[in-house]
Amino acid sequence: MPERHVVDTFVSLVENGRFIEALQRYYHPAAVVWENRQTSRNGLDVLIENEQRVLNAFTAVDGRALQVMVDGDRVAIQWRFEFSNDAAHVSLDEMAVQQWNDGKILHERFYYDPAQLQPQGVAPAAADTSTEASTP
């Protein structure tokens, strides 16, 4: 069971942009992470590789924990992330549900609305209005 101060230290690393260090210090070598219902990422090396890919895609990544709940070996964190680069800005609100084992995150699943991944300022494709009925 993680002590609250351990979880708080993990959150602090993320909030201070030390994402890779947070993975290295707090994820189990055999950790499994899911994004919504997508296929899992397995193992710490794969998690670090994925995180580095995300960090390389953006010039700024900021995260804030809005709520943190610890219940035995289970932790739930409501995160707010902002991702920016020259071409886009993405805001993401998500819930992370974690299963800890021996002070490390063994399983984690992120829950969020995938529609949030649409960059702000990018309009969705225009609807085809050629078949709309005209009003009398």
Protein backbone atom coordinates (compact mmCIF):
# COMPACT_ATOMS: atom_id res chain seq x y z
CA MET A 1 0.00 0.00 0.00
CA PRO A 2 1.55 3.35 -0.97
CA GLU A 3 1.85 5.92 1.79
CA ARG A 4 0.07 9.18 0.95
CA HIS A 5 3.40 11.07 0.92
CA VAL A 6 4.72 8.63 -1.73
CA VAL A 7 1.73 9.31 -3.98
CA ASP A 8 2.12 13.06 -3.33
CA THR A 9 5.79 12.86 -4.36
CA PHE A 10 4.79 11.04 -7.57
CA VAL A 11 2.18 13.74 -8.31
CA SER A 12 4.73 16.48 -7.61
CA LEU A 13 7.18 15.01 -10.12
CA VAL A 14 4.49 14.99 -12.82
CA GLU A 15 3.34 18.51 -11.96
CA ASN A 16 6.96 19.70 -12.22
CA GLY A 17 7.39 18.20 -15.69
CA ARG A 18 9.64 15.37 -14.53
CA PHE A 19 7.61 12.76 -16.39
CA ILE A 20 10.41 10.31 -17.20
CA GLU A 21 11.72 10.45 -13.63
CA ALA A 22 8.21 9.76 -12.32
CA LEU A 23 8.03 6.66 -14.53
CA GLN A 24 11.48 5.46 -13.50
CA ARG A 25 10.86 5.95 -9.78
CA TYR A 26 7.23 4.89 -9.41
CA TYR A 27 6.32 2.38 -12.13
CA HIS A 28 6.96 -1.32 -11.67
CA PRO A 29 9.29 -2.87 -14.31
CA ALA A 30 6.34 -5.04 -15.43
CA ALA A 31 3.78 -2.19 -15.36
CA VAL A 32 0.81 -2.36 -17.71
CA VAL A 33 -0.97 0.84 -18.80
CA TRP A 34 -4.17 1.22 -20.83
CA GLU A 35 -5.57 4.32 -22.55
CA ASN A 36 -9.33 4.00 -22.28
CA ARG A 37 -10.06 0.67 -23.99
CA GLN A 38 -7.01 0.63 -26.27
CA THR A 39 -4.39 -2.10 -26.27
CA SER A 40 -2.11 -1.96 -23.27
CA ARG A 41 1.48 -0.82 -23.12
CA ASN A 42 3.53 -3.40 -21.24
CA GLY A 43 6.77 -2.88 -19.34
CA LEU A 44 8.62 0.15 -18.06
CA ASP A 45 10.85 0.49 -21.14
CA VAL A 46 7.78 0.69 -23.42
CA LEU A 47 6.15 3.24 -21.09
CA ILE A 48 9.25 5.44 -21.11
CA GLU A 49 9.52 5.17 -24.91
CA ASN A 50 5.88 6.22 -25.32
CA GLU A 51 6.28 9.11 -22.87
CA GLN A 52 9.36 10.33 -24.72
CA ARG A 53 7.45 10.19 -28.02
CA VAL A 54 4.68 12.39 -26.54
CA LEU A 55 7.18 14.83 -25.04
CA ASN A 56 8.99 15.09 -28.39
CA ALA A 57 5.73 15.98 -30.16
CA PHE A 58 5.08 19.05 -27.97
CA THR A 59 7.11 22.05 -26.89
CA ALA A 60 5.21 22.29 -23.60
CA VAL A 61 3.41 19.68 -21.50
CA ASP A 62 1.87 20.77 -18.21
CA GLY A 63 -0.06 18.59 -15.79
CA ARG A 64 -2.00 19.31 -12.60
CA ALA A 65 -3.67 16.87 -10.24
CA LEU A 66 -7.11 18.21 -9.39
CA GLN A 67 -7.99 15.37 -7.01
CA VAL A 68 -6.01 12.50 -5.52
CA MET A 69 -7.62 9.58 -3.70
CA VAL A 70 -5.70 6.79 -1.99
CA ASP A 71 -7.51 3.66 -0.82
CA GLY A 72 -5.12 0.89 0.12
CA ASP A 73 -3.26 -0.24 -3.00
CA ARG A 74 -5.63 1.70 -5.26
CA VAL A 75 -5.06 5.31 -6.26
CA ALA A 76 -7.25 7.54 -8.42
CA ILE A 77 -5.98 10.86 -9.78
CA GLN A 78 -8.00 13.41 -11.72
CA TRP A 79 -5.49 15.05 -14.04
CA ARG A 80 -5.67 18.16 -16.22
CA PHE A 81 -2.98 18.22 -18.94
CA GLU A 82 -2.15 20.93 -21.46
CA PHE A 83 -0.09 19.96 -24.54
CA SER A 84 1.22 22.70 -26.85
CA ASN A 85 3.42 23.11 -29.89
CA ASP A 86 3.59 25.66 -32.69
CA ALA A 87 0.67 24.05 -34.52
CA ALA A 88 -1.74 23.03 -31.78
CA HIS A 89 -2.93 23.17 -28.19
CA VAL A 90 -4.70 20.20 -26.60
CA SER A 91 -6.38 20.19 -23.18
CA LEU A 92 -7.02 16.80 -21.61
CA ASP A 93 -9.02 16.01 -18.48
CA GLU A 94 -8.59 12.40 -17.46
CA MET A 95 -8.89 9.97 -14.59
CA ALA A 96 -6.00 7.67 -13.83
CA VAL A 97 -6.89 4.57 -11.82
CA GLN A 98 -3.81 2.83 -10.48
CA GLN A 99 -3.05 -0.43 -8.72
CA TRP A 100 0.14 -0.15 -6.64
CA ASN A 101 2.30 -3.05 -5.49
CA ASP A 102 5.33 -2.67 -3.19
CA GLY A 103 5.45 1.11 -3.68
CA LYS A 104 5.22 0.95 -7.49
CA ILE A 105 2.41 1.35 -10.01
CA LEU A 106 1.73 -2.09 -11.46
CA HIS A 107 -1.48 -1.38 -13.42
CA GLU A 108 -2.92 1.93 -14.61
CA ARG A 109 -5.87 2.82 -16.80
CA PHE A 110 -6.61 6.31 -18.12
CA TYR A 111 -10.24 7.27 -18.71
CA TYR A 112 -11.05 10.32 -20.85
CA ASP A 113 -13.22 11.54 -23.68
CA PRO A 114 -11.16 10.96 -26.87
CA ALA A 115 -12.87 14.01 -28.45
CA GLN A 116 -10.60 16.12 -26.23
CA LEU A 117 -7.63 15.07 -28.37
CA GLN A 118 -8.86 17.33 -31.17
CA PRO A 119 -6.49 20.33 -31.05
CA GLN A 120 -8.13 23.61 -30.05
CA GLY A 121 -8.51 26.06 -32.88
CA VAL A 122 -8.95 23.28 -35.43
CA ALA A 123 -12.50 23.19 -36.74
CA PRO A 124 -14.08 19.80 -37.35
CA ALA A 125 -14.78 18.93 -40.96
CA ALA A 126 -17.70 20.94 -42.29
CA ALA A 127 -20.95 19.07 -42.69
CA ASP A 128 -22.22 18.52 -46.20
CA THR A 129 -25.18 20.90 -46.43
CA SER A 130 -26.09 20.13 -50.03
CA THR A 131 -28.78 17.65 -48.98
CA GLU A 132 -30.40 19.84 -46.34
CA ALA A 133 -33.99 20.81 -47.05
CA SER A 134 -34.66 24.46 -47.51
CA THR A 135 -37.25 26.08 -45.31
CA PRO A 136 -40.37 27.42 -47.05
